[in-house]
Amino acid sequence: MAKLKIKNKQEELHTKHEELTNKIYKTPGMLPSRYVYILTNKCNLNCSFCFMKKHTIKDSMTAEDWINLTNQLPDYAKVTLTGG
């Protein structure tokens, strides 16, 4: 039951965010873009709270792949680099 409440709250927050964004930008569907690059999940720590242990990345992208991907992002996109 708790998961259902959390999911409903997430959906409610997402809907409210979209409504406010559409009101601010006056263009439906025009949301600021944010991208998270997980550069690697190779880590020698064993943190009990780490969620990446369950989601291993088998193939790594090259620096050239990351650059090509970044060049395709919309203007003013926000990028977060994480991993390791």
PDB file of N, CA and C in Angstrom:
ATOM      1  N   MET A   1       0.818  -1.195   0.000  1.00  0.00           N
ATOM      2  CA  MET A   1       0.000   0.000   0.000  1.00  0.00           C
ATOM      3  C   MET A   1       0.861   1.257   0.000  1.00  0.00           C
ATOM      4  N   ALA A   2       1.981   1.229   0.735  1.00  0.00           N
ATOM      5  CA  ALA A   2       2.857   2.406   0.805  1.00  0.00           C
ATOM      6  C   ALA A   2       3.441   2.740  -0.563  1.00  0.00           C
ATOM      7  N   LYS A   3       3.811   1.703  -1.336  1.00  0.00           N
ATOM      8  CA  LYS A   3       4.361   1.945  -2.671  1.00  0.00           C
ATOM      9  C   LYS A   3       3.328   2.618  -3.570  1.00  0.00           C
ATOM     10  N   LEU A   4       2.079   2.215  -3.435  1.00  0.00           N
ATOM     11  CA  LEU A   4       1.012   2.809  -4.238  1.00  0.00           C
ATOM     12  C   LEU A   4       0.856   4.288  -3.902  1.00  0.00           C
ATOM     13  N   LYS A   5       0.910   4.630  -2.617  1.00  0.00           N
ATOM     14  CA  LYS A   5       0.801   6.025  -2.198  1.00  0.00           C
ATOM     15  C   LYS A   5       1.954   6.848  -2.746  1.00  0.00           C
ATOM     16  N   ILE A   6       3.162   6.293  -2.691  1.00  0.00           N
ATOM     17  CA  ILE A   6       4.339   6.994  -3.213  1.00  0.00           C
ATOM     18  C   ILE A   6       4.198   7.193  -4.712  1.00  0.00           C
ATOM     19  N   LYS A   7       3.784   6.156  -5.430  1.00  0.00           N
ATOM     20  CA  LYS A   7       3.624   6.260  -6.883  1.00  0.00           C
ATOM     21  C   LYS A   7       2.585   7.321  -7.225  1.00  0.00           C
ATOM     22  N   ASN A   8       1.467   7.324  -6.503  1.00  0.00           N
ATOM     23  CA  ASN A   8       0.432   8.327  -6.748  1.00  0.00           C
ATOM     24  C   ASN A   8       0.965   9.726  -6.481  1.00  0.00           C
ATOM     25  N   LYS A   9       1.747   9.895  -5.427  1.00  0.00           N
ATOM     26  CA  LYS A   9       2.320  11.201  -5.098  1.00  0.00           C
ATOM     27  C   LYS A   9       3.305  11.629  -6.183  1.00  0.00           C
ATOM     28  N   GLN A  10       4.107  10.692  -6.695  1.00  0.00           N
ATOM     29  CA  GLN A  10       5.039  11.009  -7.781  1.00  0.00           C
ATOM     30  C   GLN A  10       4.281  11.460  -9.020  1.00  0.00           C
ATOM     31  N   GLU A  11       3.214  10.758  -9.357  1.00  0.00           N
ATOM     32  CA  GLU A  11       2.405  11.131 -10.521  1.00  0.00           C
ATOM     33  C   GLU A  11       1.762  12.501 -10.316  1.00  0.00           C
ATOM     34  N   GLU A  12       1.294  12.746  -9.101  1.00  0.00           N
ATOM     35  CA  GLU A  12       0.680  14.034  -8.785  1.00  0.00           C
ATOM     36  C   GLU A  12       1.704  15.167  -8.921  1.00  0.00           C
ATOM     37  N   LEU A  13       2.909  14.958  -8.387  1.00  0.00           N
ATOM     38  CA  LEU A  13       3.962  15.971  -8.491  1.00  0.00           C
ATOM     39  C   LEU A  13       4.375  16.195  -9.941  1.00  0.00           C
ATOM     40  N   HIS A  14       4.490  15.112 -10.710  1.00  0.00           N
ATOM     41  CA  HIS A  14       4.857  15.229 -12.121  1.00  0.00           C
ATOM     42  C   HIS A  14       3.797  16.028 -12.880  1.00  0.00           C
ATOM     43  N   THR A  15       2.531  15.719 -12.632  1.00  0.00           N
ATOM     44  CA  THR A  15       1.440  16.433 -13.302  1.00  0.00           C
ATOM     45  C   THR A  15       1.456  17.909 -12.932  1.00  0.00           C
ATOM     46  N   LYS A  16       1.647  18.212 -11.653  1.00  0.00           N
ATOM     47  CA  LYS A  16       1.691  19.603 -11.203  1.00  0.00           C
ATOM     48  C   LYS A  16       2.877  20.330 -11.833  1.00  0.00           C
ATOM     49  N   HIS A  17       4.033  19.672 -11.897  1.00  0.00           N
ATOM     50  CA  HIS A  17       5.224  20.264 -12.516  1.00  0.00           C
ATOM     51  C   HIS A  17       4.952  20.587 -13.981  1.00  0.00           C
ATOM     52  N   GLU A  18       4.335  19.653 -14.679  1.00  0.00           N
ATOM     53  CA  GLU A  18       4.037  19.860 -16.097  1.00  0.00           C
ATOM     54  C   GLU A  18       3.052  21.011 -16.290  1.00  0.00           C
ATOM     55  N   GLU A  19       2.040  21.082 -15.440  1.00  0.00           N
ATOM     56  CA  GLU A  19       1.069  22.179 -15.528  1.00  0.00           C
ATOM     57  C   GLU A  19       1.746  23.532 -15.315  1.00  0.00           C
ATOM     58  N   LEU A  20       2.586  23.620 -14.283  1.00  0.00           N
ATOM     59  CA  LEU A  20       3.283  24.876 -13.995  1.00  0.00           C
ATOM     60  C   LEU A  20       4.248  25.252 -15.107  1.00  0.00           C
ATOM     61  N   THR A  21       4.964  24.266 -15.631  1.00  0.00           N
ATOM     62  CA  THR A  21       5.916  24.530 -16.711  1.00  0.00           C
ATOM     63  C   THR A  21       5.187  25.021 -17.955  1.00  0.00           C
ATOM     64  N   ASN A  22       4.077  24.374 -18.292  1.00  0.00           N
ATOM     65  CA  ASN A  22       3.291  24.801 -19.453  1.00  0.00           C
ATOM     66  C   ASN A  22       2.759  26.216 -19.260  1.00  0.00           C
ATOM     67  N   LYS A  23       2.376  26.541 -18.035  1.00  0.00           N
ATOM     68  CA  LYS A  23       1.877  27.883 -17.739  1.00  0.00           C
ATOM     69  C   LYS A  23       2.996  28.915 -17.888  1.00  0.00           C
ATOM     70  N   ILE A  24       4.183  28.588 -17.396  1.00  0.00           N
ATOM     71  CA  ILE A  24       5.321  29.511 -17.467  1.00  0.00           C
ATOM     72  C   ILE A  24       5.771  29.706 -18.908  1.00  0.00           C
ATOM     73  N   TYR A  25       5.967  28.606 -19.629  1.00  0.00           N
ATOM     74  CA  TYR A  25       6.492  28.679 -20.991  1.00  0.00           C
ATOM     75  C   TYR A  25       5.400  28.868 -22.036  1.00  0.00           C
ATOM     76  N   LYS A  26       4.144  28.695 -21.634  1.00  0.00           N
ATOM     77  CA  LYS A  26       2.986  28.860 -22.520  1.00  0.00           C
ATOM     78  C   LYS A  26       3.054  27.978 -23.769  1.00  0.00           C
ATOM     79  N   THR A  27       3.781  26.883 -23.665  1.00  0.00           N
ATOM     80  CA  THR A  27       3.876  25.930 -24.764  1.00  0.00           C
ATOM     81  C   THR A  27       3.762  24.526 -24.175  1.00  0.00           C
ATOM     82  N   PRO A  28       2.646  23.829 -24.408  1.00  0.00           N
ATOM     83  CA  PRO A  28       2.502  22.478 -23.861  1.00  0.00           C
ATOM     84  C   PRO A  28       3.628  21.555 -24.323  1.00  0.00           C
ATOM     85  N   GLY A  29       4.133  20.768 -23.400  1.00  0.00           N
ATOM     86  CA  GLY A  29       5.175  19.803 -23.730  1.00  0.00           C
ATOM     87  C   GLY A  29       6.575  20.368 -23.744  1.00  0.00           C
ATOM     88  N   MET A  30       6.728  21.676 -23.567  1.00  0.00           N
ATOM     89  CA  MET A  30       8.066  22.277 -23.579  1.00  0.00           C
ATOM     90  C   MET A  30       8.609  22.284 -22.157  1.00  0.00           C
ATOM     91  N   LEU A  31       9.343  21.260 -21.812  1.00  0.00           N
ATOM     92  CA  LEU A  31       9.915  21.142 -20.479  1.00  0.00           C
ATOM     93  C   LEU A  31      11.420  21.342 -20.545  1.00  0.00           C
ATOM     94  N   PRO A  32      11.996  21.970 -19.536  1.00  0.00           N
ATOM     95  CA  PRO A  32      13.463  22.048 -19.499  1.00  0.00           C
ATOM     96  C   PRO A  32      14.042  20.633 -19.490  1.00  0.00           C
ATOM     97  N   SER A  33      15.109  20.421 -20.218  1.00  0.00           N
ATOM     98  CA  SER A  33      15.687  19.081 -20.350  1.00  0.00           C
ATOM     99  C   SER A  33      16.819  18.889 -19.356  1.00  0.00           C
ATOM    100  N   ARG A  34      16.857  17.712 -18.748  1.00  0.00           N
ATOM    101  CA  ARG A  34      17.942  17.343 -17.845  1.00  0.00           C
ATOM    102  C   ARG A  34      18.358  15.924 -18.205  1.00  0.00           C
ATOM    103  N   TYR A  35      19.655  15.713 -18.326  1.00  0.00           N
ATOM    104  CA  TYR A  35      20.194  14.409 -18.692  1.00  0.00           C
ATOM    105  C   TYR A  35      21.217  13.983 -17.653  1.00  0.00           C
ATOM    106  N   VAL A  36      21.205  12.713 -17.317  1.00  0.00           N
ATOM    107  CA  VAL A  36      22.160  12.164 -16.357  1.00  0.00           C
ATOM    108  C   VAL A  36      23.020  11.153 -17.091  1.00  0.00           C
ATOM    109  N   TYR A  37      24.320  11.404 -17.113  1.00  0.00           N
ATOM    110  CA  TYR A  37      25.266  10.473 -17.726  1.00  0.00           C
ATOM    111  C   TYR A  37      25.896   9.639 -16.616  1.00  0.00           C
ATOM    112  N   ILE A  38      25.661   8.344 -16.651  1.00  0.00           N
ATOM    113  CA  ILE A  38      26.332   7.435 -15.730  1.00  0.00           C
ATOM    114  C   ILE A  38      27.560   6.933 -16.475  1.00  0.00           C
ATOM    115  N   LEU A  39      28.689   7.564 -16.198  1.00  0.00           N
ATOM    116  CA  LEU A  39      29.902   7.290 -16.961  1.00  0.00           C
ATOM    117  C   LEU A  39      30.422   5.883 -16.725  1.00  0.00           C
ATOM    118  N   THR A  40      30.329   5.411 -15.505  1.00  0.00           N
ATOM    119  CA  THR A  40      30.766   4.057 -15.183  1.00  0.00           C
ATOM    120  C   THR A  40      30.095   3.626 -13.892  1.00  0.00           C
ATOM    121  N   ASN A  41      29.937   2.336 -13.717  1.00  0.00           N
ATOM    122  CA  ASN A  41      29.467   1.842 -12.426  1.00  0.00           C
ATOM    123  C   ASN A  41      30.528   0.948 -11.791  1.00  0.00           C
ATOM    124  N   LYS A  42      31.743   1.044 -12.311  1.00  0.00           N
ATOM    125  CA  LYS A  42      32.849   0.281 -11.740  1.00  0.00           C
ATOM    126  C   LYS A  42      33.299   0.985 -10.464  1.00  0.00           C
ATOM    127  N   CYS A  43      33.200   0.291  -9.359  1.00  0.00           N
ATOM    128  CA  CYS A  43      33.510   0.887  -8.064  1.00  0.00           C
ATOM    129  C   CYS A  43      34.042  -0.207  -7.153  1.00  0.00           C
ATOM    130  N   ASN A  44      35.038   0.137  -6.348  1.00  0.00           N
ATOM    131  CA  ASN A  44      35.601  -0.856  -5.442  1.00  0.00           C
ATOM    132  C   ASN A  44      35.029  -0.730  -4.026  1.00  0.00           C
ATOM    133  N   LEU A  45      34.050   0.135  -3.845  1.00  0.00           N
ATOM    134  CA  LEU A  45      33.380   0.244  -2.552  1.00  0.00           C
ATOM    135  C   LEU A  45      32.195  -0.708  -2.530  1.00  0.00           C
ATOM    136  N   ASN A  46      31.676  -0.971  -1.368  1.00  0.00           N
ATOM    137  CA  ASN A  46      30.531  -1.871  -1.237  1.00  0.00           C
ATOM    138  C   ASN A  46      29.491  -1.223  -0.326  1.00  0.00           C
ATOM    139  N   CYS A  47      29.024  -0.055  -0.716  1.00  0.00           N
ATOM    140  CA  CYS A  47      28.088   0.710   0.111  1.00  0.00           C
ATOM    141  C   CYS A  47      26.739  -0.004   0.185  1.00  0.00           C
ATOM    142  N   SER A  48      26.210  -0.123   1.388  1.00  0.00           N
ATOM    143  CA  SER A  48      24.940  -0.828   1.581  1.00  0.00           C
ATOM    144  C   SER A  48      23.775  -0.119   0.904  1.00  0.00           C
ATOM    145  N   PHE A  49      23.869   1.186   0.721  1.00  0.00           N
ATOM    146  CA  PHE A  49      22.768   1.969   0.156  1.00  0.00           C
ATOM    147  C   PHE A  49      22.857   2.135  -1.358  1.00  0.00           C
ATOM    148  N   CYS A  50      23.892   1.590  -1.983  1.00  0.00           N
ATOM    149  CA  CYS A  50      24.120   1.796  -3.411  1.00  0.00           C
ATOM    150  C   CYS A  50      23.088   1.033  -4.243  1.00  0.00           C
ATOM    151  N   PHE A  51      22.404   1.763  -5.133  1.00  0.00           N
ATOM    152  CA  PHE A  51      21.411   1.137  -6.001  1.00  0.00           C
ATOM    153  C   PHE A  51      22.040   0.600  -7.281  1.00  0.00           C
ATOM    154  N   MET A  52      23.262   0.982  -7.590  1.00  0.00           N
ATOM    155  CA  MET A  52      23.890   0.576  -8.851  1.00  0.00           C
ATOM    156  C   MET A  52      24.342  -0.885  -8.843  1.00  0.00           C
ATOM    157  N   LYS A  53      24.473  -1.486  -7.672  1.00  0.00           N
ATOM    158  CA  LYS A  53      24.879  -2.890  -7.621  1.00  0.00           C
ATOM    159  C   LYS A  53      23.884  -3.775  -8.369  1.00  0.00           C
ATOM    160  N   LYS A  54      22.631  -3.363  -8.377  1.00  0.00           N
ATOM    161  CA  LYS A  54      21.580  -4.143  -9.036  1.00  0.00           C
ATOM    162  C   LYS A  54      21.494  -3.853 -10.526  1.00  0.00           C
ATOM    163  N   HIS A  55      22.123  -2.784 -10.973  1.00  0.00           N
ATOM    164  CA  HIS A  55      22.018  -2.346 -12.366  1.00  0.00           C
ATOM    165  C   HIS A  55      23.418  -2.214 -12.972  1.00  0.00           C
ATOM    166  N   THR A  56      24.001  -3.315 -13.314  1.00  0.00           N
ATOM    167  CA  THR A  56      25.348  -3.256 -13.870  1.00  0.00           C
ATOM    168  C   THR A  56      25.319  -2.842 -15.334  1.00  0.00           C
ATOM    169  N   ILE A  57      26.331  -2.105 -15.732  1.00  0.00           N
ATOM    170  CA  ILE A  57      26.482  -1.672 -17.116  1.00  0.00           C
ATOM    171  C   ILE A  57      27.548  -2.563 -17.737  1.00  0.00           C
ATOM    172  N   LYS A  58      27.160  -3.358 -18.710  1.00  0.00           N
ATOM    173  CA  LYS A  58      28.092  -4.320 -19.289  1.00  0.00           C
ATOM    174  C   LYS A  58      29.027  -3.679 -20.302  1.00  0.00           C
ATOM    175  N   ASP A  59      28.489  -2.830 -21.162  1.00  0.00           N
ATOM    176  CA  ASP A  59      29.297  -2.194 -22.198  1.00  0.00           C
ATOM    177  C   ASP A  59      29.462  -0.718 -21.880  1.00  0.00           C
ATOM    178  N   SER A  60      30.688  -0.245 -21.931  1.00  0.00           N
ATOM    179  CA  SER A  60      30.951   1.167 -21.678  1.00  0.00           C
ATOM    180  C   SER A  60      31.001   1.919 -22.990  1.00  0.00           C
ATOM    181  N   MET A  61      30.609   3.173 -22.941  1.00  0.00           N
ATOM    182  CA  MET A  61      30.692   4.028 -24.121  1.00  0.00           C
ATOM    183  C   MET A  61      32.070   4.676 -24.154  1.00  0.00           C
ATOM    184  N   THR A  62      32.540   4.952 -25.338  1.00  0.00           N
ATOM    185  CA  THR A  62      33.828   5.629 -25.494  1.00  0.00           C
ATOM    186  C   THR A  62      33.631   7.129 -25.305  1.00  0.00           C
ATOM    187  N   ALA A  63      34.734   7.842 -25.140  1.00  0.00           N
ATOM    188  CA  ALA A  63      34.671   9.304 -25.029  1.00  0.00           C
ATOM    189  C   ALA A  63      34.028   9.894 -26.278  1.00  0.00           C
ATOM    190  N   GLU A  64      34.343   9.335 -27.436  1.00  0.00           N
ATOM    191  CA  GLU A  64      33.755   9.813 -28.692  1.00  0.00           C
ATOM    192  C   GLU A  64      32.235   9.619 -28.692  1.00  0.00           C
ATOM    193  N   ASP A  65      31.761   8.480 -28.155  1.00  0.00           N
ATOM    194  CA  ASP A  65      30.317   8.236 -28.051  1.00  0.00           C
ATOM    195  C   ASP A  65      29.646   9.301 -27.187  1.00  0.00           C
ATOM    196  N   TRP A  66      30.270   9.621 -26.051  1.00  0.00           N
ATOM    197  CA  TRP A  66      29.707  10.632 -25.146  1.00  0.00           C
ATOM    198  C   TRP A  66      29.658  11.999 -25.823  1.00  0.00           C
ATOM    199  N   ILE A  67      30.697  12.342 -26.544  1.00  0.00           N
ATOM    200  CA  ILE A  67      30.745  13.632 -27.249  1.00  0.00           C
ATOM    201  C   ILE A  67      29.656  13.688 -28.312  1.00  0.00           C
ATOM    202  N   ASN A  68      29.517  12.622 -29.091  1.00  0.00           N
ATOM    203  CA  ASN A  68      28.468  12.577 -30.124  1.00  0.00           C
ATOM    204  C   ASN A  68      27.076  12.705 -29.511  1.00  0.00           C
ATOM    205  N   LEU A  69      26.857  12.027 -28.407  1.00  0.00           N
ATOM    206  CA  LEU A  69      25.570  12.104 -27.721  1.00  0.00           C
ATOM    207  C   LEU A  69      25.314  13.523 -27.208  1.00  0.00           C
ATOM    208  N   THR A  70      26.323  14.125 -26.625  1.00  0.00           N
ATOM    209  CA  THR A  70      26.200  15.483 -26.091  1.00  0.00           C
ATOM    210  C   THR A  70      25.896  16.480 -27.197  1.00  0.00           C
ATOM    211  N   ASN A  71      26.475  16.296 -28.353  1.00  0.00           N
ATOM    212  CA  ASN A  71      26.224  17.201 -29.479  1.00  0.00           C
ATOM    213  C   ASN A  71      24.775  17.143 -29.966  1.00  0.00           C
ATOM    214  N   GLN A  72      24.056  16.085 -29.616  1.00  0.00           N
ATOM    215  CA  GLN A  72      22.664  15.936 -30.038  1.00  0.00           C
ATOM    216  C   GLN A  72      21.663  16.498 -29.020  1.00  0.00           C
ATOM    217  N   LEU A  73      22.150  16.946 -27.875  1.00  0.00           N
ATOM    218  CA  LEU A  73      21.257  17.469 -26.844  1.00  0.00           C
ATOM    219  C   LEU A  73      20.695  18.824 -27.245  1.00  0.00           C
ATOM    220  N   PRO A  74      19.497  19.137 -26.772  1.00  0.00           N
ATOM    221  CA  PRO A  74      18.936  20.456 -27.065  1.00  0.00           C
ATOM    222  C   PRO A  74      19.750  21.561 -26.390  1.00  0.00           C
ATOM    223  N   ASP A  75      19.650  22.768 -26.925  1.00  0.00           N
ATOM    224  CA  ASP A  75      20.317  23.911 -26.309  1.00  0.00           C
ATOM    225  C   ASP A  75      19.814  24.079 -24.877  1.00  0.00           C
ATOM    226  N   TYR A  76      20.687  24.502 -24.013  1.00  0.00           N
ATOM    227  CA  TYR A  76      20.379  24.768 -22.603  1.00  0.00           C
ATOM    228  C   TYR A  76      19.996  23.521 -21.818  1.00  0.00           C
ATOM    229  N   ALA A  77      20.355  22.350 -22.315  1.00  0.00           N
ATOM    230  CA  ALA A  77      20.095  21.121 -21.570  1.00  0.00           C
ATOM    231  C   ALA A  77      21.009  21.080 -20.353  1.00  0.00           C
ATOM    232  N   LYS A  78      20.498  20.530 -19.282  1.00  0.00           N
ATOM    233  CA  LYS A  78      21.289  20.364 -18.066  1.00  0.00           C
ATOM    234  C   LYS A  78      21.824  18.943 -18.063  1.00  0.00           C
ATOM    235  N   VAL A  79      23.117  18.806 -17.783  1.00  0.00           N
ATOM    236  CA  VAL A  79      23.757  17.495 -17.789  1.00  0.00           C
ATOM    237  C   VAL A  79      24.400  17.251 -16.432  1.00  0.00           C
ATOM    238  N   THR A  80      24.132  16.089 -15.864  1.00  0.00           N
ATOM    239  CA  THR A  80      24.761  15.670 -14.622  1.00  0.00           C
ATOM    240  C   THR A  80      25.664  14.488 -14.933  1.00  0.00           C
ATOM    241  N   LEU A  81      26.924  14.577 -14.534  1.00  0.00           N
ATOM    242  CA  LEU A  81      27.872  13.477 -14.704  1.00  0.00           C
ATOM    243  C   LEU A  81      27.986  12.745 -13.379  1.00  0.00           C
ATOM    244  N   THR A  82      27.859  11.429 -13.433  1.00  0.00           N
ATOM    245  CA  THR A  82      27.937  10.639 -12.216  1.00  0.00           C
ATOM    246  C   THR A  82      28.557   9.286 -12.533  1.00  0.00           C
ATOM    247  N   GLY A  83      28.844   8.524 -11.504  1.00  0.00           N
ATOM    248  CA  GLY A  83      29.366   7.174 -11.696  1.00  0.00           C
ATOM    249  C   GLY A  83      30.704   6.969 -11.029  1.00  0.00           C
ATOM    250  N   GLY A  84      31.000   5.713 -10.814  1.00  0.00           N
ATOM    251  CA  GLY A  84      32.292   5.366 -10.256  1.00  0.00           C
ATOM    252  C   GLY A  84      32.274   5.149  -8.783  1.00  0.00           C
TER     253      GLY A  84
END
